[in-house]
Amino acid sequence: MKTNINLNNNDKSERVEVMALFGYEMTPCQPLSFKRRGGREIEVTELLRTHINFVKGATHHIFDVLAGKEKYRLEFNSLDLSWHILSA
């Protein structure tokens, strides 16, 4: 199944601000909402899937989420504590 990732441009990723809940039940981190460029806030309605990638000494936590009917892929970089929306 291909996930359609929503980006406003052709960049590989877009940095976003994320409101997340850490240490909740069986999920150590759950994104609740995020702000895109221009201050547009998007509420996460469902966490679809999570996985981890290890890149050059950093752990990248990947979250496939649903916001209404739109799917997004968020990435948290444990090294610099930044969040991004990733392109497909």
PDB file of N, CA and C in Angstrom:
ATOM      1  N   MET A   1       0.837  -1.179   0.000  1.00  0.00           N
ATOM      2  CA  MET A   1       0.000   0.000   0.000  1.00  0.00           C
ATOM      3  C   MET A   1       0.882   1.243   0.000  1.00  0.00           C
ATOM      4  N   LYS A   2       0.685   2.140  -0.935  1.00  0.00           N
ATOM      5  CA  LYS A   2       1.457   3.376  -1.015  1.00  0.00           C
ATOM      6  C   LYS A   2       0.776   4.438  -0.177  1.00  0.00           C
ATOM      7  N   THR A   3       1.566   5.140   0.658  1.00  0.00           N
ATOM      8  CA  THR A   3       1.046   6.225   1.471  1.00  0.00           C
ATOM      9  C   THR A   3       1.253   7.530   0.735  1.00  0.00           C
ATOM     10  N   ASN A   4       0.185   8.293   0.552  1.00  0.00           N
ATOM     11  CA  ASN A   4       0.298   9.613  -0.063  1.00  0.00           C
ATOM     12  C   ASN A   4       0.703  10.604   1.010  1.00  0.00           C
ATOM     13  N   ILE A   5       1.830  11.258   0.814  1.00  0.00           N
ATOM     14  CA  ILE A   5       2.354  12.232   1.774  1.00  0.00           C
ATOM     15  C   ILE A   5       2.023  13.615   1.252  1.00  0.00           C
ATOM     16  N   ASN A   6       1.504  14.472   2.119  1.00  0.00           N
ATOM     17  CA  ASN A   6       1.061  15.796   1.718  1.00  0.00           C
ATOM     18  C   ASN A   6       2.130  16.838   1.979  1.00  0.00           C
ATOM     19  N   LEU A   7       2.663  17.418   0.899  1.00  0.00           N
ATOM     20  CA  LEU A   7       3.643  18.496   0.981  1.00  0.00           C
ATOM     21  C   LEU A   7       3.208  19.617   0.061  1.00  0.00           C
ATOM     22  N   ASN A   8       3.516  20.856   0.433  1.00  0.00           N
ATOM     23  CA  ASN A   8       3.170  22.008  -0.396  1.00  0.00           C
ATOM     24  C   ASN A   8       4.153  22.225  -1.531  1.00  0.00           C
ATOM     25  N   ASN A   9       5.337  21.606  -1.457  1.00  0.00           N
ATOM     26  CA  ASN A   9       6.358  21.822  -2.479  1.00  0.00           C
ATOM     27  C   ASN A   9       7.067  20.508  -2.759  1.00  0.00           C
ATOM     28  N   ASN A  10       8.138  20.561  -3.534  1.00  0.00           N
ATOM     29  CA  ASN A  10       8.857  19.343  -3.903  1.00  0.00           C
ATOM     30  C   ASN A  10      10.041  19.055  -2.997  1.00  0.00           C
ATOM     31  N   ASP A  11      10.156  19.738  -1.853  1.00  0.00           N
ATOM     32  CA  ASP A  11      11.235  19.461  -0.912  1.00  0.00           C
ATOM     33  C   ASP A  11      11.127  18.032  -0.422  1.00  0.00           C
ATOM     34  N   LYS A  12      12.268  17.470  -0.016  1.00  0.00           N
ATOM     35  CA  LYS A  12      12.271  16.125   0.519  1.00  0.00           C
ATOM     36  C   LYS A  12      11.569  16.071   1.873  1.00  0.00           C
ATOM     37  N   SER A  13      11.670  17.146   2.635  1.00  0.00           N
ATOM     38  CA  SER A  13      10.986  17.200   3.917  1.00  0.00           C
ATOM     39  C   SER A  13      10.686  18.650   4.270  1.00  0.00           C
ATOM     40  N   GLU A  14       9.736  18.820   5.154  1.00  0.00           N
ATOM     41  CA  GLU A  14       9.359  20.135   5.643  1.00  0.00           C
ATOM     42  C   GLU A  14       9.423  20.096   7.161  1.00  0.00           C
ATOM     43  N   ARG A  15      10.156  21.030   7.755  1.00  0.00           N
ATOM     44  CA  ARG A  15      10.246  21.084   9.215  1.00  0.00           C
ATOM     45  C   ARG A  15       8.915  21.579   9.772  1.00  0.00           C
ATOM     46  N   VAL A  16       8.451  20.929  10.832  1.00  0.00           N
ATOM     47  CA  VAL A  16       7.181  21.291  11.456  1.00  0.00           C
ATOM     48  C   VAL A  16       7.340  21.330  12.967  1.00  0.00           C
ATOM     49  N   GLU A  17       6.427  22.037  13.630  1.00  0.00           N
ATOM     50  CA  GLU A  17       6.346  22.021  15.090  1.00  0.00           C
ATOM     51  C   GLU A  17       5.279  21.001  15.460  1.00  0.00           C
ATOM     52  N   VAL A  18       5.606  20.118  16.406  1.00  0.00           N
ATOM     53  CA  VAL A  18       4.685  19.043  16.772  1.00  0.00           C
ATOM     54  C   VAL A  18       4.367  19.104  18.261  1.00  0.00           C
ATOM     55  N   MET A  19       3.083  18.943  18.565  1.00  0.00           N
ATOM     56  CA  MET A  19       2.632  18.744  19.944  1.00  0.00           C
ATOM     57  C   MET A  19       2.472  17.240  20.094  1.00  0.00           C
ATOM     58  N   ALA A  20       3.232  16.650  21.019  1.00  0.00           N
ATOM     59  CA  ALA A  20       3.213  15.193  21.168  1.00  0.00           C
ATOM     60  C   ALA A  20       3.047  14.811  22.626  1.00  0.00           C
ATOM     61  N   LEU A  21       2.491  13.636  22.831  1.00  0.00           N
ATOM     62  CA  LEU A  21       2.312  13.064  24.157  1.00  0.00           C
ATOM     63  C   LEU A  21       3.362  11.973  24.321  1.00  0.00           C
ATOM     64  N   PHE A  22       4.213  12.098  25.328  1.00  0.00           N
ATOM     65  CA  PHE A  22       5.276  11.125  25.556  1.00  0.00           C
ATOM     66  C   PHE A  22       4.917  10.238  26.743  1.00  0.00           C
ATOM     67  N   GLY A  23       5.243   8.940  26.633  1.00  0.00           N
ATOM     68  CA  GLY A  23       5.044   8.002  27.732  1.00  0.00           C
ATOM     69  C   GLY A  23       3.595   7.632  27.972  1.00  0.00           C
ATOM     70  N   TYR A  24       2.805   7.506  26.898  1.00  0.00           N
ATOM     71  CA  TYR A  24       1.381   7.195  27.010  1.00  0.00           C
ATOM     72  C   TYR A  24       1.147   5.717  26.740  1.00  0.00           C
ATOM     73  N   GLU A  25       0.653   4.988  27.730  1.00  0.00           N
ATOM     74  CA  GLU A  25       0.333   3.564  27.632  1.00  0.00           C
ATOM     75  C   GLU A  25       1.434   2.781  26.918  1.00  0.00           C
ATOM     76  N   MET A  26       1.087   2.046  25.878  1.00  0.00           N
ATOM     77  CA  MET A  26       2.061   1.207  25.172  1.00  0.00           C
ATOM     78  C   MET A  26       2.816   1.983  24.090  1.00  0.00           C
ATOM     79  N   THR A  27       2.412   3.214  23.818  1.00  0.00           N
ATOM     80  CA  THR A  27       3.066   4.038  22.802  1.00  0.00           C
ATOM     81  C   THR A  27       3.948   5.063  23.500  1.00  0.00           C
ATOM     82  N   PRO A  28       5.276   4.973  23.366  1.00  0.00           N
ATOM     83  CA  PRO A  28       6.156   5.910  24.067  1.00  0.00           C
ATOM     84  C   PRO A  28       6.023   7.358  23.589  1.00  0.00           C
ATOM     85  N   CYS A  29       5.569   7.562  22.342  1.00  0.00           N
ATOM     86  CA  CYS A  29       5.372   8.928  21.815  1.00  0.00           C
ATOM     87  C   CYS A  29       4.224   8.884  20.819  1.00  0.00           C
ATOM     88  N   GLN A  30       3.346   9.889  20.935  1.00  0.00           N
ATOM     89  CA  GLN A  30       2.228   9.978  20.002  1.00  0.00           C
ATOM     90  C   GLN A  30       2.021  11.424  19.587  1.00  0.00           C
ATOM     91  N   PRO A  31       2.211  11.749  18.291  1.00  0.00           N
ATOM     92  CA  PRO A  31       1.951  13.111  17.826  1.00  0.00           C
ATOM     93  C   PRO A  31       0.454  13.424  17.925  1.00  0.00           C
ATOM     94  N   LEU A  32       0.120  14.603  18.462  1.00  0.00           N
ATOM     95  CA  LEU A  32      -1.279  15.014  18.610  1.00  0.00           C
ATOM     96  C   LEU A  32      -1.686  16.038  17.555  1.00  0.00           C
ATOM     97  N   SER A  33      -0.772  16.954  17.238  1.00  0.00           N
ATOM     98  CA  SER A  33      -1.020  17.962  16.203  1.00  0.00           C
ATOM     99  C   SER A  33       0.320  18.499  15.737  1.00  0.00           C
ATOM    100  N   PHE A  34       0.306  19.192  14.585  1.00  0.00           N
ATOM    101  CA  PHE A  34       1.534  19.810  14.091  1.00  0.00           C
ATOM    102  C   PHE A  34       1.197  21.073  13.324  1.00  0.00           C
ATOM    103  N   LYS A  35       2.181  21.987  13.298  1.00  0.00           N
ATOM    104  CA  LYS A  35       2.051  23.249  12.573  1.00  0.00           C
ATOM    105  C   LYS A  35       2.975  23.229  11.376  1.00  0.00           C
ATOM    106  N   ARG A  36       2.408  23.564  10.225  1.00  0.00           N
ATOM    107  CA  ARG A  36       3.183  23.647   8.996  1.00  0.00           C
ATOM    108  C   ARG A  36       3.604  25.079   8.745  1.00  0.00           C
ATOM    109  N   ARG A  37       4.333  25.310   7.664  1.00  0.00           N
ATOM    110  CA  ARG A  37       4.726  26.661   7.271  1.00  0.00           C
ATOM    111  C   ARG A  37       3.488  27.537   7.190  1.00  0.00           C
ATOM    112  N   GLY A  38       3.634  28.763   7.610  1.00  0.00           N
ATOM    113  CA  GLY A  38       2.506  29.682   7.588  1.00  0.00           C
ATOM    114  C   GLY A  38       1.614  29.563   8.814  1.00  0.00           C
ATOM    115  N   GLY A  39       1.963  28.681   9.759  1.00  0.00           N
ATOM    116  CA  GLY A  39       1.216  28.564  10.997  1.00  0.00           C
ATOM    117  C   GLY A  39      -0.031  27.707  10.936  1.00  0.00           C
ATOM    118  N   ARG A  40      -0.272  27.031   9.824  1.00  0.00           N
ATOM    119  CA  ARG A  40      -1.443  26.160   9.708  1.00  0.00           C
ATOM    120  C   ARG A  40      -1.301  24.970  10.650  1.00  0.00           C
ATOM    121  N   GLU A  41      -2.253  24.822  11.584  1.00  0.00           N
ATOM    122  CA  GLU A  41      -2.198  23.719  12.549  1.00  0.00           C
ATOM    123  C   GLU A  41      -3.096  22.584  12.083  1.00  0.00           C
ATOM    124  N   ILE A  42      -2.563  21.365  12.159  1.00  0.00           N
ATOM    125  CA  ILE A  42      -3.273  20.170  11.716  1.00  0.00           C
ATOM    126  C   ILE A  42      -3.374  19.211  12.894  1.00  0.00           C
ATOM    127  N   GLU A  43      -4.586  18.767  13.201  1.00  0.00           N
ATOM    128  CA  GLU A  43      -4.815  17.841  14.313  1.00  0.00           C
ATOM    129  C   GLU A  43      -4.728  16.399  13.819  1.00  0.00           C
ATOM    130  N   VAL A  44      -3.942  15.587  14.512  1.00  0.00           N
ATOM    131  CA  VAL A  44      -3.813  14.172  14.192  1.00  0.00           C
ATOM    132  C   VAL A  44      -5.029  13.455  14.766  1.00  0.00           C
ATOM    133  N   THR A  45      -5.743  12.723  13.914  1.00  0.00           N
ATOM    134  CA  THR A  45      -6.928  12.006  14.370  1.00  0.00           C
ATOM    135  C   THR A  45      -6.658  10.530  14.651  1.00  0.00           C
ATOM    136  N   GLU A  46      -5.584   9.989  14.040  1.00  0.00           N
ATOM    137  CA  GLU A  46      -5.278   8.573  14.267  1.00  0.00           C
ATOM    138  C   GLU A  46      -3.799   8.292  14.001  1.00  0.00           C
ATOM    139  N   LEU A  47      -3.188   7.498  14.862  1.00  0.00           N
ATOM    140  CA  LEU A  47      -1.828   7.013  14.656  1.00  0.00           C
ATOM    141  C   LEU A  47      -1.942   5.685  13.926  1.00  0.00           C
ATOM    142  N   LEU A  48      -1.434   5.623  12.688  1.00  0.00           N
ATOM    143  CA  LEU A  48      -1.575   4.423  11.866  1.00  0.00           C
ATOM    144  C   LEU A  48      -0.463   3.414  12.098  1.00  0.00           C
ATOM    145  N   ARG A  49       0.792   3.912  12.164  1.00  0.00           N
ATOM    146  CA  ARG A  49       1.940   3.000  12.261  1.00  0.00           C
ATOM    147  C   ARG A  49       3.151   3.774  12.728  1.00  0.00           C
ATOM    148  N   THR A  50       4.041   3.093  13.427  1.00  0.00           N
ATOM    149  CA  THR A  50       5.313   3.692  13.836  1.00  0.00           C
ATOM    150  C   THR A  50       6.446   2.724  13.511  1.00  0.00           C
ATOM    151  N   HIS A  51       7.619   3.275  13.234  1.00  0.00           N
ATOM    152  CA  HIS A  51       8.827   2.454  13.117  1.00  0.00           C
ATOM    153  C   HIS A  51      10.038   3.347  13.337  1.00  0.00           C
ATOM    154  N   ILE A  52      11.188   2.726  13.452  1.00  0.00           N
ATOM    155  CA  ILE A  52      12.424   3.430  13.786  1.00  0.00           C
ATOM    156  C   ILE A  52      13.464   3.163  12.707  1.00  0.00           C
ATOM    157  N   ASN A  53      14.190   4.220  12.315  1.00  0.00           N
ATOM    158  CA  ASN A  53      15.348   4.104  11.430  1.00  0.00           C
ATOM    159  C   ASN A  53      16.566   4.631  12.183  1.00  0.00           C
ATOM    160  N   PHE A  54      17.707   3.989  11.989  1.00  0.00           N
ATOM    161  CA  PHE A  54      18.957   4.444  12.586  1.00  0.00           C
ATOM    162  C   PHE A  54      19.809   5.060  11.486  1.00  0.00           C
ATOM    163  N   VAL A  55      20.142   6.359  11.643  1.00  0.00           N
ATOM    164  CA  VAL A  55      20.872   7.098  10.615  1.00  0.00           C
ATOM    165  C   VAL A  55      22.024   7.849  11.263  1.00  0.00           C
ATOM    166  N   LYS A  56      23.255   7.458  10.932  1.00  0.00           N
ATOM    167  CA  LYS A  56      24.462   8.159  11.387  1.00  0.00           C
ATOM    168  C   LYS A  56      24.437   8.490  12.883  1.00  0.00           C
ATOM    169  N   GLY A  57      24.192   7.516  13.703  1.00  0.00           N
ATOM    170  CA  GLY A  57      24.227   7.700  15.156  1.00  0.00           C
ATOM    171  C   GLY A  57      22.976   8.318  15.754  1.00  0.00           C
ATOM    172  N   ALA A  58      21.988   8.632  14.942  1.00  0.00           N
ATOM    173  CA  ALA A  58      20.732   9.201  15.445  1.00  0.00           C
ATOM    174  C   ALA A  58      19.603   8.196  15.230  1.00  0.00           C
ATOM    175  N   THR A  59      18.628   8.269  16.075  1.00  0.00           N
ATOM    176  CA  THR A  59      17.429   7.459  15.921  1.00  0.00           C
ATOM    177  C   THR A  59      16.343   8.347  15.333  1.00  0.00           C
ATOM    178  N   HIS A  60      15.753   7.906  14.222  1.00  0.00           N
ATOM    179  CA  HIS A  60      14.661   8.631  13.585  1.00  0.00           C
ATOM    180  C   HIS A  60      13.376   7.836  13.819  1.00  0.00           C
ATOM    181  N   HIS A  61      12.457   8.421  14.546  1.00  0.00           N
ATOM    182  CA  HIS A  61      11.170   7.793  14.831  1.00  0.00           C
ATOM    183  C   HIS A  61      10.184   8.260  13.769  1.00  0.00           C
ATOM    184  N   ILE A  62       9.593   7.315  13.042  1.00  0.00           N
ATOM    185  CA  ILE A  62       8.693   7.609  11.935  1.00  0.00           C
ATOM    186  C   ILE A  62       7.263   7.292  12.374  1.00  0.00           C
ATOM    187  N   PHE A  63       6.362   8.248  12.127  1.00  0.00           N
ATOM    188  CA  PHE A  63       4.961   8.100  12.494  1.00  0.00           C
ATOM    189  C   PHE A  63       4.099   8.319  11.255  1.00  0.00           C
ATOM    190  N   ASP A  64       3.346   7.305  10.846  1.00  0.00           N
ATOM    191  CA  ASP A  64       2.342   7.468   9.810  1.00  0.00           C
ATOM    192  C   ASP A  64       1.052   7.810  10.538  1.00  0.00           C
ATOM    193  N   VAL A  65       0.491   8.974  10.210  1.00  0.00           N
ATOM    194  CA  VAL A  65      -0.685   9.456  10.931  1.00  0.00           C
ATOM    195  C   VAL A  65      -1.777   9.851   9.953  1.00  0.00           C
ATOM    196  N   LEU A  66      -2.983   9.931  10.476  1.00  0.00           N
ATOM    197  CA  LEU A  66      -4.140  10.375   9.733  1.00  0.00           C
ATOM    198  C   LEU A  66      -4.632  11.665  10.367  1.00  0.00           C
ATOM    199  N   ALA A  67      -4.914  12.657   9.539  1.00  0.00           N
ATOM    200  CA  ALA A  67      -5.487  13.924   9.995  1.00  0.00           C
ATOM    201  C   ALA A  67      -6.737  14.142   9.149  1.00  0.00           C
ATOM    202  N   GLY A  68      -7.883  13.806   9.705  1.00  0.00           N
ATOM    203  CA  GLY A  68      -9.103  13.786   8.905  1.00  0.00           C
ATOM    204  C   GLY A  68      -8.998  12.672   7.892  1.00  0.00           C
ATOM    205  N   LYS A  69      -9.024  13.011   6.598  1.00  0.00           N
ATOM    206  CA  LYS A  69      -8.891  12.004   5.537  1.00  0.00           C
ATOM    207  C   LYS A  69      -7.502  12.003   4.907  1.00  0.00           C
ATOM    208  N   GLU A  70      -6.608  12.863   5.375  1.00  0.00           N
ATOM    209  CA  GLU A  70      -5.270  12.995   4.805  1.00  0.00           C
ATOM    210  C   GLU A  70      -4.245  12.195   5.608  1.00  0.00           C
ATOM    211  N   LYS A  71      -3.337  11.512   4.892  1.00  0.00           N
ATOM    212  CA  LYS A  71      -2.260  10.764   5.532  1.00  0.00           C
ATOM    213  C   LYS A  71      -0.986  11.592   5.501  1.00  0.00           C
ATOM    214  N   TYR A  72      -0.233  11.532   6.589  1.00  0.00           N
ATOM    215  CA  TYR A  72       1.045  12.224   6.702  1.00  0.00           C
ATOM    216  C   TYR A  72       2.071  11.271   7.307  1.00  0.00           C
ATOM    217  N   ARG A  73       3.346  11.505   6.984  1.00  0.00           N
ATOM    218  CA  ARG A  73       4.440  10.778   7.611  1.00  0.00           C
ATOM    219  C   ARG A  73       5.309  11.798   8.339  1.00  0.00           C
ATOM    220  N   LEU A  74       5.344  11.703   9.678  1.00  0.00           N
ATOM    221  CA  LEU A  74       6.142  12.587  10.513  1.00  0.00           C
ATOM    222  C   LEU A  74       7.379  11.858  10.976  1.00  0.00           C
ATOM    223  N   GLU A  75       8.490  12.581  11.080  1.00  0.00           N
ATOM    224  CA  GLU A  75       9.746  12.003  11.551  1.00  0.00           C
ATOM    225  C   GLU A  75      10.293  12.851  12.691  1.00  0.00           C
ATOM    226  N   PHE A  76      10.659  12.172  13.789  1.00  0.00           N
ATOM    227  CA  PHE A  76      11.306  12.823  14.919  1.00  0.00           C
ATOM    228  C   PHE A  76      12.761  12.383  14.946  1.00  0.00           C
ATOM    229  N   ASN A  77      13.698  13.338  14.901  1.00  0.00           N
ATOM    230  CA  ASN A  77      15.131  13.064  14.949  1.00  0.00           C
ATOM    231  C   ASN A  77      15.585  13.197  16.396  1.00  0.00           C
ATOM    232  N   SER A  78      16.029  12.104  16.987  1.00  0.00           N
ATOM    233  CA  SER A  78      16.410  12.104  18.400  1.00  0.00           C
ATOM    234  C   SER A  78      17.712  12.862  18.669  1.00  0.00           C
ATOM    235  N   LEU A  79      18.509  13.104  17.639  1.00  0.00           N
ATOM    236  CA  LEU A  79      19.776  13.791  17.823  1.00  0.00           C
ATOM    237  C   LEU A  79      19.588  15.300  17.980  1.00  0.00           C
ATOM    238  N   ASP A  80      18.839  15.918  17.068  1.00  0.00           N
ATOM    239  CA  ASP A  80      18.630  17.367  17.166  1.00  0.00           C
ATOM    240  C   ASP A  80      17.211  17.750  17.627  1.00  0.00           C
ATOM    241  N   LEU A  81      16.402  16.744  17.961  1.00  0.00           N
ATOM    242  CA  LEU A  81      15.042  16.921  18.490  1.00  0.00           C
ATOM    243  C   LEU A  81      14.128  17.687  17.525  1.00  0.00           C
ATOM    244  N   SER A  82      14.338  17.504  16.229  1.00  0.00           N
ATOM    245  CA  SER A  82      13.521  18.182  15.237  1.00  0.00           C
ATOM    246  C   SER A  82      12.461  17.221  14.673  1.00  0.00           C
ATOM    247  N   TRP A  83      11.373  17.812  14.186  1.00  0.00           N
ATOM    248  CA  TRP A  83      10.286  17.076  13.535  1.00  0.00           C
ATOM    249  C   TRP A  83      10.191  17.532  12.083  1.00  0.00           C
ATOM    250  N   HIS A  84       9.890  16.592  11.181  1.00  0.00           N
ATOM    251  CA  HIS A  84       9.725  16.885   9.759  1.00  0.00           C
ATOM    252  C   HIS A  84       8.567  16.074   9.199  1.00  0.00           C
ATOM    253  N   ILE A  85       7.931  16.601   8.148  1.00  0.00           N
ATOM    254  CA  ILE A  85       7.037  15.802   7.306  1.00  0.00           C
ATOM    255  C   ILE A  85       7.911  15.293   6.184  1.00  0.00           C
ATOM    256  N   LEU A  86       7.850  13.990   5.915  1.00  0.00           N
ATOM    257  CA  LEU A  86       8.689  13.389   4.886  1.00  0.00           C
ATOM    258  C   LEU A  86       7.912  13.227   3.589  1.00  0.00           C
ATOM    259  N   SER A  87       8.610  13.316   2.466  1.00  0.00           N
ATOM    260  CA  SER A  87       7.986  13.032   1.172  1.00  0.00           C
ATOM    261  C   SER A  87       8.125  11.541   0.883  1.00  0.00           C
ATOM    262  N   ALA A  88       7.332  11.096  -0.079  1.00  0.00           N
ATOM    263  CA  ALA A  88       7.332   9.672  -0.450  1.00  0.00           C
ATOM    264  C   ALA A  88       8.569   9.297  -1.220  1.00  0.00           C
TER     265      ALA A  88
END
